[in-house]
Amino acid sequence: VSYGFEDHTRLTDNYDVPEDLISRTPAELVERLLHALDLPPIPPGA
């Protein structure tokens, strides 16, 4: 994730972390992880 202690530019440009692995927001991480685990999305305000 790039919303934590290292930003997107630092992760990609300084450390060559593949952009396809990076979530820019918590919501994006949730969506990415649930999809990887074959779990349905969490409804908004659930």
PDB file of all heavy atoms in Angstrom:
ATOM      1  N   VAL A   1       0.848  -1.196   0.000  1.00  0.00           N
ATOM      2  CA  VAL A   1       0.000   0.000   0.000  1.00  0.00           C
ATOM      3  C   VAL A   1       0.884   1.247   0.000  1.00  0.00           C
ATOM      4  O   VAL A   1       1.988   1.244   0.561  1.00  0.00           O
ATOM      5  CB  VAL A   1      -0.951   0.021   1.217  1.00  0.00           C
ATOM      6  CG1 VAL A   1      -1.759  -1.265   1.281  1.00  0.00           C
ATOM      7  CG2 VAL A   1      -0.212   0.239   2.525  1.00  0.00           C
ATOM      8  N   SER A   2       0.383   2.305  -0.634  1.00  0.00           N
ATOM      9  CA  SER A   2       1.159   3.552  -0.711  1.00  0.00           C
ATOM     10  C   SER A   2       0.519   4.674   0.086  1.00  0.00           C
ATOM     11  O   SER A   2       0.886   5.834  -0.076  1.00  0.00           O
ATOM     12  CB  SER A   2       1.326   3.983  -2.170  1.00  0.00           C
ATOM     13  OG  SER A   2       0.065   4.227  -2.779  1.00  0.00           O
ATOM     14  N   TYR A   3      -0.437   4.338   0.973  1.00  0.00           N
ATOM     15  CA  TYR A   3      -1.023   5.347   1.852  1.00  0.00           C
ATOM     16  C   TYR A   3      -0.388   5.313   3.242  1.00  0.00           C
ATOM     17  O   TYR A   3      -0.820   6.007   4.141  1.00  0.00           O
ATOM     18  CB  TYR A   3      -2.539   5.145   1.961  1.00  0.00           C
ATOM     19  CG  TYR A   3      -2.959   3.769   2.433  1.00  0.00           C
ATOM     20  CD1 TYR A   3      -2.895   3.415   3.778  1.00  0.00           C
ATOM     21  CD2 TYR A   3      -3.423   2.816   1.530  1.00  0.00           C
ATOM     22  CE1 TYR A   3      -3.269   2.151   4.215  1.00  0.00           C
ATOM     23  CE2 TYR A   3      -3.808   1.555   1.953  1.00  0.00           C
ATOM     24  CZ  TYR A   3      -3.727   1.230   3.294  1.00  0.00           C
ATOM     25  OH  TYR A   3      -4.104  -0.028   3.721  1.00  0.00           O
ATOM     26  N   GLY A   4       0.655   4.492   3.407  1.00  0.00           N
ATOM     27  CA  GLY A   4       1.299   4.327   4.706  1.00  0.00           C
ATOM     28  C   GLY A   4       2.591   5.104   4.835  1.00  0.00           C
ATOM     29  O   GLY A   4       2.648   6.283   4.524  1.00  0.00           O
ATOM     30  N   PHE A   5       3.663   4.430   5.241  1.00  0.00           N
ATOM     31  CA  PHE A   5       4.907   5.111   5.569  1.00  0.00           C
ATOM     32  C   PHE A   5       5.785   5.402   4.362  1.00  0.00           C
ATOM     33  O   PHE A   5       6.794   6.093   4.477  1.00  0.00           O
ATOM     34  CB  PHE A   5       5.691   4.303   6.591  1.00  0.00           C
ATOM     35  CG  PHE A   5       5.195   4.457   8.006  1.00  0.00           C
ATOM     36  CD1 PHE A   5       3.929   4.942   8.271  1.00  0.00           C
ATOM     37  CD2 PHE A   5       6.007   4.137   9.086  1.00  0.00           C
ATOM     38  CE1 PHE A   5       3.462   5.095   9.566  1.00  0.00           C
ATOM     39  CE2 PHE A   5       5.553   4.285  10.389  1.00  0.00           C
ATOM     40  CZ  PHE A   5       4.278   4.766  10.629  1.00  0.00           C
ATOM     41  N   GLU A   6       5.439   4.856   3.195  1.00  0.00           N
ATOM     42  CA  GLU A   6       6.170   5.174   1.966  1.00  0.00           C
ATOM     43  C   GLU A   6       5.155   5.429   0.853  1.00  0.00           C
ATOM     44  O   GLU A   6       4.202   4.652   0.698  1.00  0.00           O
ATOM     45  CB  GLU A   6       7.122   4.040   1.582  1.00  0.00           C
ATOM     46  CG  GLU A   6       8.284   3.919   2.564  1.00  0.00           C
ATOM     47  CD  GLU A   6       9.247   2.797   2.251  1.00  0.00           C
ATOM     48  OE1 GLU A   6       8.868   1.832   1.556  1.00  0.00           O
ATOM     49  OE2 GLU A   6      10.396   2.875   2.721  1.00  0.00           O
ATOM     50  N   ASP A   7       5.368   6.514   0.101  1.00  0.00           N
ATOM     51  CA  ASP A   7       4.372   6.863  -0.913  1.00  0.00           C
ATOM     52  C   ASP A   7       4.609   6.114  -2.221  1.00  0.00           C
ATOM     53  O   ASP A   7       5.589   5.391  -2.392  1.00  0.00           O
ATOM     54  CB  ASP A   7       4.311   8.378  -1.122  1.00  0.00           C
ATOM     55  CG  ASP A   7       5.529   8.946  -1.829  1.00  0.00           C
ATOM     56  OD1 ASP A   7       6.432   8.180  -2.212  1.00  0.00           O
ATOM     57  OD2 ASP A   7       5.582  10.182  -2.006  1.00  0.00           O
ATOM     58  N   HIS A   8       3.690   6.299  -3.157  1.00  0.00           N
ATOM     59  CA  HIS A   8       3.718   5.559  -4.414  1.00  0.00           C
ATOM     60  C   HIS A   8       4.997   5.816  -5.205  1.00  0.00           C
ATOM     61  O   HIS A   8       5.618   4.882  -5.735  1.00  0.00           O
ATOM     62  CB  HIS A   8       2.485   5.946  -5.249  1.00  0.00           C
ATOM     63  CG  HIS A   8       2.260   5.085  -6.436  1.00  0.00           C
ATOM     64  ND1 HIS A   8       2.849   5.337  -7.662  1.00  0.00           N
ATOM     65  CD2 HIS A   8       1.515   3.963  -6.611  1.00  0.00           C
ATOM     66  CE1 HIS A   8       2.480   4.423  -8.527  1.00  0.00           C
ATOM     67  NE2 HIS A   8       1.670   3.574  -7.922  1.00  0.00           N
ATOM     68  N   THR A   9       5.406   7.071  -5.278  1.00  0.00           N
ATOM     69  CA  THR A   9       6.608   7.413  -6.045  1.00  0.00           C
ATOM     70  C   THR A   9       7.850   6.766  -5.443  1.00  0.00           C
ATOM     71  O   THR A   9       8.699   6.230  -6.163  1.00  0.00           O
ATOM     72  CB  THR A   9       6.791   8.941  -6.100  1.00  0.00           C
ATOM     73  OG1 THR A   9       5.645   9.526  -6.730  1.00  0.00           O
ATOM     74  CG2 THR A   9       8.042   9.313  -6.865  1.00  0.00           C
ATOM     75  N   ARG A  10       7.965   6.820  -4.125  1.00  0.00           N
ATOM     76  CA  ARG A  10       9.128   6.217  -3.464  1.00  0.00           C
ATOM     77  C   ARG A  10       9.160   4.695  -3.693  1.00  0.00           C
ATOM     78  O   ARG A  10      10.208   4.117  -3.967  1.00  0.00           O
ATOM     79  CB  ARG A  10       9.108   6.539  -1.980  1.00  0.00           C
ATOM     80  CG  ARG A  10      10.333   6.050  -1.216  1.00  0.00           C
ATOM     81  CD  ARG A  10      10.371   6.638   0.193  1.00  0.00           C
ATOM     82  NE  ARG A  10      11.510   6.154   0.940  1.00  0.00           N
ATOM     83  CZ  ARG A  10      12.753   6.596   0.809  1.00  0.00           C
ATOM     84  NH1 ARG A  10      13.022   7.561  -0.058  1.00  0.00           N
ATOM     85  NH2 ARG A  10      13.747   6.104   1.527  1.00  0.00           N
ATOM     86  N   LEU A  11       8.016   4.055  -3.586  1.00  0.00           N
ATOM     87  CA  LEU A  11       7.961   2.605  -3.768  1.00  0.00           C
ATOM     88  C   LEU A  11       8.315   2.197  -5.191  1.00  0.00           C
ATOM     89  O   LEU A  11       9.062   1.229  -5.398  1.00  0.00           O
ATOM     90  CB  LEU A  11       6.561   2.093  -3.418  1.00  0.00           C
ATOM     91  CG  LEU A  11       6.183   2.106  -1.932  1.00  0.00           C
ATOM     92  CD1 LEU A  11       4.679   1.880  -1.766  1.00  0.00           C
ATOM     93  CD2 LEU A  11       6.964   1.046  -1.162  1.00  0.00           C
ATOM     94  N   THR A  12       7.793   2.943  -6.177  1.00  0.00           N
ATOM     95  CA  THR A  12       8.021   2.550  -7.568  1.00  0.00           C
ATOM     96  C   THR A  12       9.353   3.045  -8.109  1.00  0.00           C
ATOM     97  O   THR A  12      10.116   2.282  -8.710  1.00  0.00           O
ATOM     98  CB  THR A  12       6.879   3.059  -8.463  1.00  0.00           C
ATOM     99  OG1 THR A  12       6.732   4.480  -8.294  1.00  0.00           O
ATOM    100  CG2 THR A  12       5.575   2.365  -8.126  1.00  0.00           C
ATOM    101  N   ASP A  13       9.661   4.325  -7.901  1.00  0.00           N
ATOM    102  CA  ASP A  13      10.870   4.914  -8.496  1.00  0.00           C
ATOM    103  C   ASP A  13      12.134   4.558  -7.720  1.00  0.00           C
ATOM    104  O   ASP A  13      13.186   4.301  -8.318  1.00  0.00           O
ATOM    105  CB  ASP A  13      10.735   6.434  -8.583  1.00  0.00           C
ATOM    106  CG  ASP A  13       9.664   6.872  -9.572  1.00  0.00           C
ATOM    107  OD1 ASP A  13       9.059   5.983 -10.210  1.00  0.00           O
ATOM    108  OD2 ASP A  13       9.427   8.081  -9.703  1.00  0.00           O
ATOM    109  N   ASN A  14      12.062   4.561  -6.401  1.00  0.00           N
ATOM    110  CA  ASN A  14      13.258   4.292  -5.595  1.00  0.00           C
ATOM    111  C   ASN A  14      13.519   2.793  -5.421  1.00  0.00           C
ATOM    112  O   ASN A  14      14.664   2.368  -5.340  1.00  0.00           O
ATOM    113  CB  ASN A  14      13.135   4.937  -4.217  1.00  0.00           C
ATOM    114  CG  ASN A  14      13.176   6.446  -4.270  1.00  0.00           C
ATOM    115  OD1 ASN A  14      12.595   7.048  -5.161  1.00  0.00           O
ATOM    116  ND2 ASN A  14      13.847   7.085  -3.321  1.00  0.00           N
ATOM    117  N   TYR A  15      12.427   2.019  -5.328  1.00  0.00           N
ATOM    118  CA  TYR A  15      12.598   0.606  -4.980  1.00  0.00           C
ATOM    119  C   TYR A  15      12.085  -0.367  -6.039  1.00  0.00           C
ATOM    120  O   TYR A  15      12.161  -1.586  -5.843  1.00  0.00           O
ATOM    121  CB  TYR A  15      11.881   0.317  -3.656  1.00  0.00           C
ATOM    122  CG  TYR A  15      12.468   1.052  -2.489  1.00  0.00           C
ATOM    123  CD1 TYR A  15      11.667   1.869  -1.694  1.00  0.00           C
ATOM    124  CD2 TYR A  15      13.816   0.944  -2.158  1.00  0.00           C
ATOM    125  CE1 TYR A  15      12.193   2.545  -0.598  1.00  0.00           C
ATOM    126  CE2 TYR A  15      14.352   1.616  -1.075  1.00  0.00           C
ATOM    127  CZ  TYR A  15      13.530   2.414  -0.298  1.00  0.00           C
ATOM    128  OH  TYR A  15      14.052   3.087   0.779  1.00  0.00           O
ATOM    129  N   ASP A  16      11.562   0.138  -7.135  1.00  0.00           N
ATOM    130  CA  ASP A  16      11.098  -0.713  -8.237  1.00  0.00           C
ATOM    131  C   ASP A  16      10.037  -1.720  -7.820  1.00  0.00           C
ATOM    132  O   ASP A  16       9.978  -2.839  -8.347  1.00  0.00           O
ATOM    133  CB  ASP A  16      12.284  -1.458  -8.872  1.00  0.00           C
ATOM    134  CG  ASP A  16      13.257  -0.518  -9.562  1.00  0.00           C
ATOM    135  OD1 ASP A  16      12.798   0.466 -10.168  1.00  0.00           O
ATOM    136  OD2 ASP A  16      14.475  -0.761  -9.481  1.00  0.00           O
ATOM    137  N   VAL A  17       9.179  -1.340  -6.873  1.00  0.00           N
ATOM    138  CA  VAL A  17       8.038  -2.193  -6.547  1.00  0.00           C
ATOM    139  C   VAL A  17       7.056  -2.118  -7.713  1.00  0.00           C
ATOM    140  O   VAL A  17       6.700  -1.022  -8.147  1.00  0.00           O
ATOM    141  CB  VAL A  17       7.348  -1.737  -5.240  1.00  0.00           C
ATOM    142  CG1 VAL A  17       6.107  -2.584  -4.969  1.00  0.00           C
ATOM    143  CG2 VAL A  17       8.321  -1.819  -4.067  1.00  0.00           C
ATOM    144  N   PRO A  18       6.619  -3.254  -8.256  1.00  0.00           N
ATOM    145  CA  PRO A  18       5.694  -3.213  -9.395  1.00  0.00           C
ATOM    146  C   PRO A  18       4.407  -2.454  -9.063  1.00  0.00           C
ATOM    147  O   PRO A  18       3.770  -2.714  -8.049  1.00  0.00           O
ATOM    148  CB  PRO A  18       5.402  -4.699  -9.656  1.00  0.00           C
ATOM    149  CG  PRO A  18       6.586  -5.422  -9.109  1.00  0.00           C
ATOM    150  CD  PRO A  18       7.009  -4.634  -7.897  1.00  0.00           C
ATOM    151  N   GLU A  19       4.049  -1.536  -9.936  1.00  0.00           N
ATOM    152  CA  GLU A  19       2.868  -0.705  -9.694  1.00  0.00           C
ATOM    153  C   GLU A  19       1.605  -1.551  -9.570  1.00  0.00           C
ATOM    154  O   GLU A  19       0.667  -1.195  -8.850  1.00  0.00           O
ATOM    155  CB  GLU A  19       2.716   0.316 -10.815  1.00  0.00           C
ATOM    156  CG  GLU A  19       1.619   1.320 -10.572  1.00  0.00           C
ATOM    157  CD  GLU A  19       1.696   2.500 -11.528  1.00  0.00           C
ATOM    158  OE1 GLU A  19       2.608   2.528 -12.376  1.00  0.00           O
ATOM    159  OE2 GLU A  19       0.825   3.380 -11.421  1.00  0.00           O
ATOM    160  N   ASP A  20       1.569  -2.697 -10.259  1.00  0.00           N
ATOM    161  CA  ASP A  20       0.382  -3.546 -10.234  1.00  0.00           C
ATOM    162  C   ASP A  20       0.122  -4.160  -8.859  1.00  0.00           C
ATOM    163  O   ASP A  20      -0.980  -4.669  -8.614  1.00  0.00           O
ATOM    164  CB  ASP A  20       0.515  -4.673 -11.252  1.00  0.00           C
ATOM    165  CG  ASP A  20       0.421  -4.169 -12.685  1.00  0.00           C
ATOM    166  OD1 ASP A  20      -0.097  -3.058 -12.876  1.00  0.00           O
ATOM    167  OD2 ASP A  20       0.871  -4.880 -13.600  1.00  0.00           O
ATOM    168  N   LEU A  21       1.106  -4.124  -7.973  1.00  0.00           N
ATOM    169  CA  LEU A  21       0.946  -4.700  -6.633  1.00  0.00           C
ATOM    170  C   LEU A  21       0.547  -3.659  -5.596  1.00  0.00           C
ATOM    171  O   LEU A  21       0.288  -4.005  -4.444  1.00  0.00           O
ATOM    172  CB  LEU A  21       2.251  -5.364  -6.178  1.00  0.00           C
ATOM    173  CG  LEU A  21       2.756  -6.550  -7.003  1.00  0.00           C
ATOM    174  CD1 LEU A  21       4.088  -7.033  -6.437  1.00  0.00           C
ATOM    175  CD2 LEU A  21       1.744  -7.681  -7.022  1.00  0.00           C
ATOM    176  N   ILE A  22       0.496  -2.389  -5.986  1.00  0.00           N
ATOM    177  CA  ILE A  22       0.329  -1.304  -5.021  1.00  0.00           C
ATOM    178  C   ILE A  22      -1.116  -0.819  -4.968  1.00  0.00           C
ATOM    179  O   ILE A  22      -1.724  -0.516  -5.994  1.00  0.00           O
ATOM    180  CB  ILE A  22       1.258  -0.126  -5.367  1.00  0.00           C
ATOM    181  CG1 ILE A  22       2.728  -0.577  -5.329  1.00  0.00           C
ATOM    182  CG2 ILE A  22       1.041   1.029  -4.393  1.00  0.00           C
ATOM    183  CD1 ILE A  22       3.710   0.485  -5.788  1.00  0.00           C
ATOM    184  N   SER A  23      -1.648  -0.724  -3.751  1.00  0.00           N
ATOM    185  CA  SER A  23      -2.962  -0.120  -3.517  1.00  0.00           C
ATOM    186  C   SER A  23      -2.749   1.291  -2.982  1.00  0.00           C
ATOM    187  O   SER A  23      -2.025   1.486  -2.001  1.00  0.00           O
ATOM    188  CB  SER A  23      -3.763  -0.943  -2.506  1.00  0.00           C
ATOM    189  OG  SER A  23      -4.011  -2.239  -2.998  1.00  0.00           O
ATOM    190  N   ARG A  24      -3.392   2.253  -3.597  1.00  0.00           N
ATOM    191  CA  ARG A  24      -3.200   3.647  -3.202  1.00  0.00           C
ATOM    192  C   ARG A  24      -4.088   4.056  -2.022  1.00  0.00           C
ATOM    193  O   ARG A  24      -3.820   5.067  -1.374  1.00  0.00           O
ATOM    194  CB  ARG A  24      -3.471   4.575  -4.390  1.00  0.00           C
ATOM    195  CG  ARG A  24      -2.442   4.462  -5.516  1.00  0.00           C
ATOM    196  CD  ARG A  24      -2.841   5.354  -6.675  1.00  0.00           C
ATOM    197  NE  ARG A  24      -1.898   5.297  -7.773  1.00  0.00           N
ATOM    198  CZ  ARG A  24      -0.902   6.165  -7.962  1.00  0.00           C
ATOM    199  NH1 ARG A  24      -0.731   7.161  -7.118  1.00  0.00           N
ATOM    200  NH2 ARG A  24      -0.097   6.052  -9.003  1.00  0.00           N
ATOM    201  N   THR A  25      -5.147   3.315  -1.765  1.00  0.00           N
ATOM    202  CA  THR A  25      -6.076   3.660  -0.688  1.00  0.00           C
ATOM    203  C   THR A  25      -6.447   2.395   0.079  1.00  0.00           C
ATOM    204  O   THR A  25      -6.342   1.275  -0.452  1.00  0.00           O
ATOM    205  CB  THR A  25      -7.368   4.279  -1.244  1.00  0.00           C
ATOM    206  OG1 THR A  25      -8.065   3.283  -2.007  1.00  0.00           O
ATOM    207  CG2 THR A  25      -7.071   5.493  -2.118  1.00  0.00           C
ATOM    208  N   PRO A  26      -6.931   2.541   1.328  1.00  0.00           N
ATOM    209  CA  PRO A  26      -7.420   1.374   2.056  1.00  0.00           C
ATOM    210  C   PRO A  26      -8.532   0.642   1.308  1.00  0.00           C
ATOM    211  O   PRO A  26      -8.574  -0.592   1.296  1.00  0.00           O
ATOM    212  CB  PRO A  26      -7.924   1.972   3.378  1.00  0.00           C
ATOM    213  CG  PRO A  26      -7.110   3.213   3.563  1.00  0.00           C
ATOM    214  CD  PRO A  26      -6.926   3.758   2.179  1.00  0.00           C
ATOM    215  N   ALA A  27      -9.434   1.394   0.677  1.00  0.00           N
ATOM    216  CA  ALA A  27     -10.532   0.771  -0.058  1.00  0.00           C
ATOM    217  C   ALA A  27     -10.006  -0.105  -1.191  1.00  0.00           C
ATOM    218  O   ALA A  27     -10.553  -1.185  -1.470  1.00  0.00           O
ATOM    219  CB  ALA A  27     -11.467   1.846  -0.607  1.00  0.00           C
ATOM    220  N   GLU A  28      -8.952   0.353  -1.846  1.00  0.00           N
ATOM    221  CA  GLU A  28      -8.380  -0.427  -2.943  1.00  0.00           C
ATOM    222  C   GLU A  28      -7.743  -1.709  -2.423  1.00  0.00           C
ATOM    223  O   GLU A  28      -7.857  -2.770  -3.052  1.00  0.00           O
ATOM    224  CB  GLU A  28      -7.341   0.412  -3.694  1.00  0.00           C
ATOM    225  CG  GLU A  28      -6.840  -0.256  -4.967  1.00  0.00           C
ATOM    226  CD  GLU A  28      -5.892   0.624  -5.756  1.00  0.00           C
ATOM    227  OE1 GLU A  28      -5.974   1.857  -5.611  1.00  0.00           O
ATOM    228  OE2 GLU A  28      -5.067   0.068  -6.514  1.00  0.00           O
ATOM    229  N   LEU A  29      -7.083  -1.645  -1.275  1.00  0.00           N
ATOM    230  CA  LEU A  29      -6.511  -2.861  -0.683  1.00  0.00           C
ATOM    231  C   LEU A  29      -7.617  -3.859  -0.336  1.00  0.00           C
ATOM    232  O   LEU A  29      -7.487  -5.055  -0.606  1.00  0.00           O
ATOM    233  CB  LEU A  29      -5.704  -2.531   0.571  1.00  0.00           C
ATOM    234  CG  LEU A  29      -5.185  -3.763   1.333  1.00  0.00           C
ATOM    235  CD1 LEU A  29      -4.188  -4.558   0.487  1.00  0.00           C
ATOM    236  CD2 LEU A  29      -4.551  -3.353   2.664  1.00  0.00           C
ATOM    237  N   VAL A  30      -8.696  -3.374   0.268  1.00  0.00           N
ATOM    238  CA  VAL A  30      -9.819  -4.251   0.619  1.00  0.00           C
ATOM    239  C   VAL A  30     -10.346  -4.951  -0.630  1.00  0.00           C
ATOM    240  O   VAL A  30     -10.523  -6.177  -0.639  1.00  0.00           O
ATOM    241  CB  VAL A  30     -10.944  -3.444   1.309  1.00  0.00           C
ATOM    242  CG1 VAL A  30     -12.188  -4.313   1.484  1.00  0.00           C
ATOM    243  CG2 VAL A  30     -10.474  -2.927   2.665  1.00  0.00           C
ATOM    244  N   GLU A  31     -10.588  -4.184  -1.678  1.00  0.00           N
ATOM    245  CA  GLU A  31     -11.138  -4.751  -2.913  1.00  0.00           C
ATOM    246  C   GLU A  31     -10.175  -5.768  -3.526  1.00  0.00           C
ATOM    247  O   GLU A  31     -10.582  -6.859  -3.953  1.00  0.00           O
ATOM    248  CB  GLU A  31     -11.429  -3.634  -3.911  1.00  0.00           C
ATOM    249  CG  GLU A  31     -12.076  -4.114  -5.201  1.00  0.00           C
ATOM    250  CD  GLU A  31     -12.409  -2.970  -6.143  1.00  0.00           C
ATOM    251  OE1 GLU A  31     -12.137  -1.807  -5.802  1.00  0.00           O
ATOM    252  OE2 GLU A  31     -12.956  -3.254  -7.230  1.00  0.00           O
ATOM    253  N   ARG A  32      -8.903  -5.421  -3.567  1.00  0.00           N
ATOM    254  CA  ARG A  32      -7.889  -6.293  -4.164  1.00  0.00           C
ATOM    255  C   ARG A  32      -7.779  -7.608  -3.391  1.00  0.00           C
ATOM    256  O   ARG A  32      -7.706  -8.700  -3.970  1.00  0.00           O
ATOM    257  CB  ARG A  32      -6.548  -5.562  -4.194  1.00  0.00           C
ATOM    258  CG  ARG A  32      -5.442  -6.290  -4.953  1.00  0.00           C
ATOM    259  CD  ARG A  32      -4.121  -5.563  -4.749  1.00  0.00           C
ATOM    260  NE  ARG A  32      -4.143  -4.211  -5.250  1.00  0.00           N
ATOM    261  CZ  ARG A  32      -3.713  -3.851  -6.464  1.00  0.00           C
ATOM    262  NH1 ARG A  32      -3.251  -4.769  -7.290  1.00  0.00           N
ATOM    263  NH2 ARG A  32      -3.745  -2.586  -6.839  1.00  0.00           N
ATOM    264  N   LEU A  33      -7.771  -7.509  -2.074  1.00  0.00           N
ATOM    265  CA  LEU A  33      -7.576  -8.692  -1.242  1.00  0.00           C
ATOM    266  C   LEU A  33      -8.797  -9.614  -1.288  1.00  0.00           C
ATOM    267  O   LEU A  33      -8.671 -10.840  -1.412  1.00  0.00           O
ATOM    268  CB  LEU A  33      -7.276  -8.269   0.197  1.00  0.00           C
ATOM    269  CG  LEU A  33      -6.898  -9.373   1.184  1.00  0.00           C
ATOM    270  CD1 LEU A  33      -5.746 -10.221   0.663  1.00  0.00           C
ATOM    271  CD2 LEU A  33      -6.535  -8.771   2.531  1.00  0.00           C
ATOM    272  N   LEU A  34      -9.983  -9.037  -1.193  1.00  0.00           N
ATOM    273  CA  LEU A  34     -11.192  -9.856  -1.262  1.00  0.00           C
ATOM    274  C   LEU A  34     -11.288 -10.575  -2.610  1.00  0.00           C
ATOM    275  O   LEU A  34     -11.683 -11.749  -2.677  1.00  0.00           O
ATOM    276  CB  LEU A  34     -12.430  -8.988  -1.033  1.00  0.00           C
ATOM    277  CG  LEU A  34     -12.623  -8.434   0.379  1.00  0.00           C
ATOM    278  CD1 LEU A  34     -13.858  -7.545   0.433  1.00  0.00           C
ATOM    279  CD2 LEU A  34     -12.717  -9.543   1.419  1.00  0.00           C
ATOM    280  N   HIS A  35     -10.926  -9.881  -3.676  1.00  0.00           N
ATOM    281  CA  HIS A  35     -10.942 -10.508  -5.001  1.00  0.00           C
ATOM    282  C   HIS A  35      -9.952 -11.657  -5.068  1.00  0.00           C
ATOM    283  O   HIS A  35     -10.267 -12.740  -5.599  1.00  0.00           O
ATOM    284  CB  HIS A  35     -10.635  -9.461  -6.074  1.00  0.00           C
ATOM    285  CG  HIS A  35     -10.738  -9.988  -7.471  1.00  0.00           C
ATOM    286  ND1 HIS A  35      -9.671 -10.566  -8.112  1.00  0.00           N
ATOM    287  CD2 HIS A  35     -11.784 -10.011  -8.348  1.00  0.00           C
ATOM    288  CE1 HIS A  35     -10.036 -10.927  -9.325  1.00  0.00           C
ATOM    289  NE2 HIS A  35     -11.312 -10.611  -9.500  1.00  0.00           N
ATOM    290  N   ALA A  36      -8.752 -11.462  -4.516  1.00  0.00           N
ATOM    291  CA  ALA A  36      -7.732 -12.510  -4.529  1.00  0.00           C
ATOM    292  C   ALA A  36      -8.172 -13.744  -3.757  1.00  0.00           C
ATOM    293  O   ALA A  36      -7.769 -14.869  -4.077  1.00  0.00           O
ATOM    294  CB  ALA A  36      -6.427 -11.970  -3.954  1.00  0.00           C
ATOM    295  N   LEU A  37      -9.008 -13.536  -2.736  1.00  0.00           N
ATOM    296  CA  LEU A  37      -9.465 -14.634  -1.883  1.00  0.00           C
ATOM    297  C   LEU A  37     -10.827 -15.175  -2.309  1.00  0.00           C
ATOM    298  O   LEU A  37     -11.418 -16.001  -1.613  1.00  0.00           O
ATOM    299  CB  LEU A  37      -9.541 -14.156  -0.429  1.00  0.00           C
ATOM    300  CG  LEU A  37      -8.207 -13.757   0.202  1.00  0.00           C
ATOM    301  CD1 LEU A  37      -8.439 -13.083   1.550  1.00  0.00           C
ATOM    302  CD2 LEU A  37      -7.289 -14.963   0.353  1.00  0.00           C
ATOM    303  N   ASP A  38     -11.342 -14.700  -3.453  1.00  0.00           N
ATOM    304  CA  ASP A  38     -12.649 -15.134  -3.972  1.00  0.00           C
ATOM    305  C   ASP A  38     -13.771 -14.861  -2.977  1.00  0.00           C
ATOM    306  O   ASP A  38     -14.706 -15.670  -2.826  1.00  0.00           O
ATOM    307  CB  ASP A  38     -12.625 -16.633  -4.323  1.00  0.00           C
ATOM    308  CG  ASP A  38     -11.673 -16.934  -5.467  1.00  0.00           C
ATOM    309  OD1 ASP A  38     -11.634 -16.138  -6.420  1.00  0.00           O
ATOM    310  OD2 ASP A  38     -10.958 -17.947  -5.395  1.00  0.00           O
ATOM    311  N   LEU A  39     -13.700 -13.713  -2.310  1.00  0.00           N
ATOM    312  CA  LEU A  39     -14.733 -13.318  -1.360  1.00  0.00           C
ATOM    313  C   LEU A  39     -15.535 -12.154  -1.946  1.00  0.00           C
ATOM    314  O   LEU A  39     -14.980 -11.298  -2.641  1.00  0.00           O
ATOM    315  CB  LEU A  39     -14.107 -12.889  -0.032  1.00  0.00           C
ATOM    316  CG  LEU A  39     -13.385 -13.983   0.756  1.00  0.00           C
ATOM    317  CD1 LEU A  39     -12.713 -13.392   1.991  1.00  0.00           C
ATOM    318  CD2 LEU A  39     -14.350 -15.094   1.161  1.00  0.00           C
ATOM    319  N   PRO A  40     -16.839 -12.087  -1.668  1.00  0.00           N
ATOM    320  CA  PRO A  40     -17.668 -10.998  -2.202  1.00  0.00           C
ATOM    321  C   PRO A  40     -17.306  -9.668  -1.558  1.00  0.00           C
ATOM    322  O   PRO A  40     -16.797  -9.632  -0.429  1.00  0.00           O
ATOM    323  CB  PRO A  40     -19.092 -11.415  -1.835  1.00  0.00           C
ATOM    324  CG  PRO A  40     -18.928 -12.319  -0.654  1.00  0.00           C
ATOM    325  CD  PRO A  40     -17.625 -13.049  -0.866  1.00  0.00           C
ATOM    326  N   PRO A  41     -17.561  -8.561  -2.238  1.00  0.00           N
ATOM    327  CA  PRO A  41     -17.293  -7.232  -1.665  1.00  0.00           C
ATOM    328  C   PRO A  41     -18.089  -7.018  -0.390  1.00  0.00           C
ATOM    329  O   PRO A  41     -19.164  -7.606  -0.197  1.00  0.00           O
ATOM    330  CB  PRO A  41     -17.742  -6.264  -2.770  1.00  0.00           C
ATOM    331  CG  PRO A  41     -17.768  -7.079  -4.015  1.00  0.00           C
ATOM    332  CD  PRO A  41     -18.117  -8.479  -3.608  1.00  0.00           C
ATOM    333  N   ILE A  42     -17.565  -6.163   0.480  1.00  0.00           N
ATOM    334  CA  ILE A  42     -18.283  -5.769   1.689  1.00  0.00           C
ATOM    335  C   ILE A  42     -19.206  -4.623   1.324  1.00  0.00           C
ATOM    336  O   ILE A  42     -18.750  -3.590   0.838  1.00  0.00           O
ATOM    337  CB  ILE A  42     -17.305  -5.347   2.798  1.00  0.00           C
ATOM    338  CG1 ILE A  42     -16.386  -6.517   3.161  1.00  0.00           C
ATOM    339  CG2 ILE A  42     -18.051  -4.847   4.031  1.00  0.00           C
ATOM    340  CD1 ILE A  42     -15.262  -6.143   4.109  1.00  0.00           C
ATOM    341  N   PRO A  43     -20.527  -4.751   1.538  1.00  0.00           N
ATOM    342  CA  PRO A  43     -21.458  -3.680   1.162  1.00  0.00           C
ATOM    343  C   PRO A  43     -21.124  -2.385   1.895  1.00  0.00           C
ATOM    344  O   PRO A  43     -20.733  -2.414   3.064  1.00  0.00           O
ATOM    345  CB  PRO A  43     -22.825  -4.225   1.590  1.00  0.00           C
ATOM    346  CG  PRO A  43     -22.645  -5.698   1.704  1.00  0.00           C
ATOM    347  CD  PRO A  43     -21.217  -5.914   2.124  1.00  0.00           C
ATOM    348  N   PRO A  44     -21.254  -1.237   1.245  1.00  0.00           N
ATOM    349  CA  PRO A  44     -21.014   0.050   1.912  1.00  0.00           C
ATOM    350  C   PRO A  44     -21.898   0.201   3.132  1.00  0.00           C
ATOM    351  O   PRO A  44     -23.082  -0.108   3.086  1.00  0.00           O
ATOM    352  CB  PRO A  44     -21.390   1.075   0.831  1.00  0.00           C
ATOM    353  CG  PRO A  44     -21.247   0.342  -0.458  1.00  0.00           C
ATOM    354  CD  PRO A  44     -21.625  -1.081  -0.172  1.00  0.00           C
ATOM    355  N   GLY A  45     -21.286   0.641   4.229  1.00  0.00           N
ATOM    356  CA  GLY A  45     -22.041   0.847   5.451  1.00  0.00           C
ATOM    357  C   GLY A  45     -22.504  -0.423   6.121  1.00  0.00           C
ATOM    358  O   GLY A  45     -23.431  -0.409   6.934  1.00  0.00           O
ATOM    359  N   ALA A  46     -21.856  -1.551   5.786  1.00  0.00           N
ATOM    360  CA  ALA A  46     -22.295  -2.840   6.330  1.00  0.00           C
ATOM    361  C   ALA A  46     -22.116  -2.904   7.830  1.00  0.00           C
ATOM    362  O   ALA A  46     -22.871  -3.560   8.529  1.00  0.00           O
ATOM    363  CB  ALA A  46     -21.520  -3.982   5.666  1.00  0.00           C
TER     364      ALA A  46
END
